[in-house]
C-alpha atoms as a PDB file:
ATOM      1  CA  MET A   1      63.775 -33.557  14.063  1.00  0.00           C
ATOM      2  CA  ALA A   2      62.629 -31.268  11.297  1.00  0.00           C
ATOM      3  CA  ALA A   3      63.898 -31.787   7.767  1.00  0.00           C
ATOM      4  CA  ALA A   4      66.257 -29.232   6.311  1.00  0.00           C
ATOM      5  CA  GLY A   5      64.407 -26.158   5.064  1.00  0.00           C
ATOM      6  CA  HIS A   6      61.215 -26.935   7.042  1.00  0.00           C
ATOM      7  CA  LYS A   7      60.452 -25.274  10.327  1.00  0.00           C
ATOM      8  CA  ASP A   8      58.610 -27.146  13.038  1.00  0.00           C
ATOM      9  CA  HIS A   9      55.285 -25.280  13.544  1.00  0.00           C
ATOM     10  CA  GLY A  10      53.779 -27.969  15.804  1.00  0.00           C
ATOM     11  CA  PRO A  11      53.917 -26.042  19.084  1.00  0.00           C
ATOM     12  CA  LEU A  12      52.544 -22.875  17.412  1.00  0.00           C
ATOM     13  CA  ARG A  13      49.649 -24.769  15.793  1.00  0.00           C
ATOM     14  CA  LEU A  14      48.880 -26.508  19.064  1.00  0.00           C
ATOM     15  CA  THR A  15      48.853 -23.156  20.908  1.00  0.00           C
ATOM     16  CA  ILE A  16      46.531 -21.561  18.308  1.00  0.00           C
ATOM     17  CA  ALA A  17      44.185 -24.572  18.448  1.00  0.00           C
ATOM     18  CA  ILE A  18      44.045 -24.446  22.252  1.00  0.00           C
ATOM     19  CA  VAL A  19      43.382 -20.673  22.220  1.00  0.00           C
ATOM     20  CA  GLY A  20      40.625 -21.192  19.615  1.00  0.00           C
ATOM     21  CA  VAL A  21      38.960 -23.930  21.634  1.00  0.00           C
ATOM     22  CA  LEU A  22      39.141 -21.893  24.845  1.00  0.00           C
ATOM     23  CA  THR A  23      37.727 -18.813  23.094  1.00  0.00           C
ATOM     24  CA  THR A  24      34.849 -20.860  21.666  1.00  0.00           C
ATOM     25  CA  LEU A  25      34.091 -22.402  25.051  1.00  0.00           C
ATOM     26  CA  SER A  26      34.143 -19.013  26.780  1.00  0.00           C
ATOM     27  CA  LEU A  27      31.762 -17.538  24.186  1.00  0.00           C
ATOM     28  CA  LEU A  28      29.398 -20.502  24.579  1.00  0.00           C
ATOM     29  CA  GLY A  29      29.571 -20.125  28.356  1.00  0.00           C
ATOM     30  CA  TYR A  30      28.797 -16.405  28.129  1.00  0.00           C
ATOM     31  CA  GLY A  31      25.830 -17.123  25.856  1.00  0.00           C
ATOM     32  CA  GLY A  32      24.602 -19.752  28.299  1.00  0.00           C
ATOM     33  CA  VAL A  33      24.824 -17.330  31.215  1.00  0.00           C
ATOM     34  CA  ILE A  34      22.785 -14.733  29.295  1.00  0.00           C
ATOM     35  CA  ALA A  35      20.133 -17.340  28.395  1.00  0.00           C
ATOM     36  CA  VAL A  36      19.868 -18.543  31.997  1.00  0.00           C
ATOM     37  CA  ASN A  37      19.598 -14.951  33.287  1.00  0.00           C
ATOM     38  CA  ARG A  38      16.741 -14.188  30.880  1.00  0.00           C
ATOM     39  CA  PHE A  39      14.962 -17.380  31.892  1.00  0.00           C
ATOM     40  CA  VAL A  40      15.345 -16.556  35.596  1.00  0.00           C
ATOM     41  CA  GLU A  41      14.141 -12.970  35.057  1.00  0.00           C
ATOM     42  CA  HIS A  42      11.087 -14.239  33.178  1.00  0.00           C
ATOM     43  CA  ARG A  43      10.271 -16.662  35.995  1.00  0.00           C
ATOM     44  CA  GLN A  44      10.621 -13.843  38.548  1.00  0.00           C
ATOM     45  CA  VAL A  45       8.216 -11.643  36.571  1.00  0.00           C
ATOM     46  CA  VAL A  46       5.707 -14.497  36.290  1.00  0.00           C
ATOM     47  CA  ALA A  47       6.060 -15.148  40.021  1.00  0.00           C
ATOM     48  CA  ARG A  48       5.330 -11.489  40.821  1.00  0.00           C
ATOM     49  CA  MET A  49       2.589 -10.850  38.272  1.00  0.00           C
ATOM     50  CA  GLY A  50       1.112 -14.308  37.909  1.00  0.00           C
ATOM     51  CA  PRO A  51       0.730 -16.215  34.672  1.00  0.00           C
ATOM     52  CA  LYS A  52      -0.406 -14.451  31.525  1.00  0.00           C
ATOM     53  CA  PRO A  53      -4.219 -14.428  31.487  1.00  0.00           C
ATOM     54  CA  PRO A  54      -5.978 -16.325  28.716  1.00  0.00           C
ATOM     55  CA  THR A  55      -7.319 -14.222  25.856  1.00  0.00           C
ATOM     56  CA  ALA A  56     -10.008 -14.792  23.266  1.00  0.00           C
ATOM     57  CA  SER A  57      -9.966 -12.881  20.014  1.00  0.00           C
ATOM     58  CA  LEU A  58     -13.324 -11.963  18.496  1.00  0.00           C
ATOM     59  CA  PRO A  59     -13.689 -11.498  14.739  1.00  0.00           C
ATOM     60  CA  ALA A  60     -13.676  -8.072  13.113  1.00  0.00           C
ATOM     61  CA  TRP A  61     -17.166  -6.637  12.754  1.00  0.00           C
ATOM     62  CA  GLU A  62     -18.608  -3.811  10.699  1.00  0.00           C
ATOM     63  CA  PHE A  63     -21.778  -2.327  12.137  1.00  0.00           C
ATOM     64  CA  ALA A  64     -24.011  -0.068  10.021  1.00  0.00           C
ATOM     65  CA  LEU A  65     -25.058   2.991  11.988  1.00  0.00           C
ATOM     66  CA  SER A  66     -27.609   5.729  11.349  1.00  0.00           C
ATOM     67  CA  GLY A  67     -27.141   7.653   8.130  1.00  0.00           C
ATOM     68  CA  HIS A  68     -24.287   6.410   6.011  1.00  0.00           C
ATOM     69  CA  ARG A  69     -21.989   5.833   8.963  1.00  0.00           C
ATOM     70  CA  SER A  70     -20.485   2.565  10.100  1.00  0.00           C
ATOM     71  CA  LEU A  71     -18.283   1.244  12.869  1.00  0.00           C
ATOM     72  CA  ASP A  72     -15.395  -1.145  12.240  1.00  0.00           C
ATOM     73  CA  LEU A  73     -14.578  -2.969  15.454  1.00  0.00           C
ATOM     74  CA  LYS A  74     -11.999  -5.605  16.389  1.00  0.00           C
ATOM     75  CA  VAL A  75     -11.622  -6.611  20.044  1.00  0.00           C
ATOM     76  CA  SER A  76      -9.996  -9.281  22.168  1.00  0.00           C
ATOM     77  CA  LEU A  77     -11.076 -10.402  25.603  1.00  0.00           C
ATOM     78  CA  GLU A  78      -8.873 -10.930  28.637  1.00  0.00           C
ATOM     79  CA  LEU A  79     -10.465 -13.783  30.537  1.00  0.00           C
ATOM     80  CA  ALA A  80     -10.399 -15.047  34.093  1.00  0.00           C
ATOM     81  CA  PRO A  81      -7.542 -17.429  34.951  1.00  0.00           C
ATOM     82  CA  ARG A  82      -8.011 -21.054  33.867  1.00  0.00           C
ATOM     83  CA  THR A  83     -10.821 -20.129  31.452  1.00  0.00           C
ATOM     84  CA  ASP A  84     -10.807 -21.878  28.091  1.00  0.00           C
ATOM     85  CA  PRO A  85     -10.864 -19.179  25.365  1.00  0.00           C
ATOM     86  CA  GLY A  86     -12.782 -21.559  23.112  1.00  0.00           C
ATOM     87  CA  PHE A  87     -16.028 -21.036  25.012  1.00  0.00           C
ATOM     88  CA  VAL A  88     -16.654 -17.883  22.957  1.00  0.00           C
ATOM     89  CA  THR A  89     -16.444 -19.678  19.602  1.00  0.00           C
ATOM     90  CA  GLY A  90     -19.951 -21.124  19.688  1.00  0.00           C
ATOM     91  CA  ALA A  91     -21.554 -17.811  20.559  1.00  0.00           C
ATOM     92  CA  VAL A  92     -19.719 -15.441  18.198  1.00  0.00           C
ATOM     93  CA  GLU A  93     -22.735 -14.792  15.957  1.00  0.00           C
ATOM     94  CA  ARG A  94     -25.053 -14.175  18.913  1.00  0.00           C
ATOM     95  CA  ILE A  95     -22.452 -11.910  20.533  1.00  0.00           C
ATOM     96  CA  GLY A  96     -22.193  -9.936  17.281  1.00  0.00           C
ATOM     97  CA  ASP A  97     -25.987  -9.573  17.067  1.00  0.00           C
ATOM     98  CA  ARG A  98     -26.271  -8.474  20.695  1.00  0.00           C
ATOM     99  CA  LEU A  99     -23.362  -6.089  20.278  1.00  0.00           C
ATOM    100  CA  TYR A 100     -24.954  -4.621  17.141  1.00  0.00           C
ATOM    101  CA  ASP A 101     -28.136  -3.917  19.113  1.00  0.00           C
ATOM    102  CA  ASP A 102     -26.158  -2.243  21.918  1.00  0.00           C
ATOM    103  CA  ILE A 103     -24.007  -0.199  19.513  1.00  0.00           C
ATOM    104  CA  ARG A 104     -27.055   0.917  17.554  1.00  0.00           C
ATOM    105  CA  ASP A 105     -28.644   2.162  20.803  1.00  0.00           C
ATOM    106  CA  LEU A 106     -25.655   4.445  21.382  1.00  0.00           C
ATOM    107  CA  ASP A 107     -26.065   7.702  19.504  1.00  0.00           C
ATOM    108  CA  MET A 108     -23.327   8.934  17.188  1.00  0.00           C
ATOM    109  CA  GLU A 109     -21.976  11.235  19.899  1.00  0.00           C
ATOM    110  CA  GLY A 110     -21.666   8.206  22.150  1.00  0.00           C
ATOM    111  CA  LEU A 111     -19.322   6.596  19.641  1.00  0.00           C
ATOM    112  CA  ILE A 112     -17.122   9.553  18.784  1.00  0.00           C
ATOM    113  CA  GLY A 113     -17.223  11.611  21.974  1.00  0.00           C
ATOM    114  CA  PRO A 114     -15.197  11.323  25.166  1.00  0.00           C
ATOM    115  CA  GLY A 115     -15.532   7.953  26.849  1.00  0.00           C
ATOM    116  CA  SER A 116     -16.641   6.213  23.666  1.00  0.00           C
ATOM    117  CA  ALA A 117     -14.072   3.436  24.057  1.00  0.00           C
ATOM    118  CA  GLU A 118     -15.315   2.657  27.578  1.00  0.00           C
ATOM    119  CA  ARG A 119     -18.928   2.508  26.363  1.00  0.00           C
ATOM    120  CA  VAL A 120     -17.954   0.107  23.587  1.00  0.00           C
ATOM    121  CA  LYS A 121     -15.928  -2.035  26.015  1.00  0.00           C
ATOM    122  CA  ASP A 122     -18.903  -2.189  28.391  1.00  0.00           C
ATOM    123  CA  SER A 123     -21.180  -3.186  25.495  1.00  0.00           C
ATOM    124  CA  VAL A 124     -18.807  -5.977  24.431  1.00  0.00           C
ATOM    125  CA  SER A 125     -18.506  -7.265  27.993  1.00  0.00           C
ATOM    126  CA  ARG A 126     -22.310  -7.235  28.454  1.00  0.00           C
ATOM    127  CA  ALA A 127     -22.877  -8.989  25.127  1.00  0.00           C
ATOM    128  CA  VAL A 128     -20.403 -11.767  25.977  1.00  0.00           C
ATOM    129  CA  ARG A 129     -21.869 -12.182  29.455  1.00  0.00           C
ATOM    130  CA  ARG A 130     -25.465 -12.363  28.152  1.00  0.00           C
ATOM    131  CA  GLU A 131     -24.805 -14.701  25.241  1.00  0.00           C
ATOM    132  CA  THR A 132     -22.446 -17.139  26.977  1.00  0.00           C
ATOM    133  CA  GLY A 133     -24.016 -17.043  30.419  1.00  0.00           C
ATOM    134  CA  ARG A 134     -20.550 -16.701  31.958  1.00  0.00           C
ATOM    135  CA  ASP A 135     -19.026 -13.679  33.663  1.00  0.00           C
ATOM    136  CA  VAL A 136     -15.374 -14.390  32.896  1.00  0.00           C
ATOM    137  CA  VAL A 137     -14.337 -11.268  30.961  1.00  0.00           C
ATOM    138  CA  ARG A 138     -11.769  -9.334  33.007  1.00  0.00           C
ATOM    139  CA  ALA A 139     -10.910  -6.745  30.354  1.00  0.00           C
ATOM    140  CA  VAL A 140     -11.806  -5.857  26.780  1.00  0.00           C
ATOM    141  CA  ARG A 141      -8.973  -4.711  24.545  1.00  0.00           C
ATOM    142  CA  ILE A 142      -9.937  -2.679  21.510  1.00  0.00           C
ATOM    143  CA  GLU A 143      -7.575  -3.567  18.692  1.00  0.00           C
ATOM    144  CA  GLN A 144      -9.381  -1.445  16.086  1.00  0.00           C
ATOM    145  CA  MET A 145     -12.284   0.975  16.353  1.00  0.00           C
ATOM    146  CA  VAL A 146     -13.012   3.197  13.374  1.00  0.00           C
ATOM    147  CA  VAL A 147     -16.181   5.228  12.905  1.00  0.00           C
ATOM    148  CA  LYS A 148     -16.656   5.969   9.208  1.00  0.00           C
END
């Protein structure tokens, strides 16, 4: 029995504690459902599209062109499935030299006119194929291409 002047808040405290625990559990359950749904959606996308292809990032290059012009170029390569991106590492200098020769052969209009990005992508792909001896480049992504 409660002492005189003190009310018994036991049942109220117990009710608030139970409501708090149930609220916390429901929020954790909701968060878990969202996480599982995102995981399942990601697996469905991977199942439809296949795994993300390996990529190799080449260093940024600056090529001196005719006159006082230059080309700043940064590209990454999308490779064939199950290709180790590290195969490019040993040939980066040779790829850069070969690419410089190809870029220099393009006239200035070839670098700033329509289709210039495709010509540069083709040059990068050819340079990688020649210098590594492997035809594993599926796509060339130009991250930066500035003609100064």
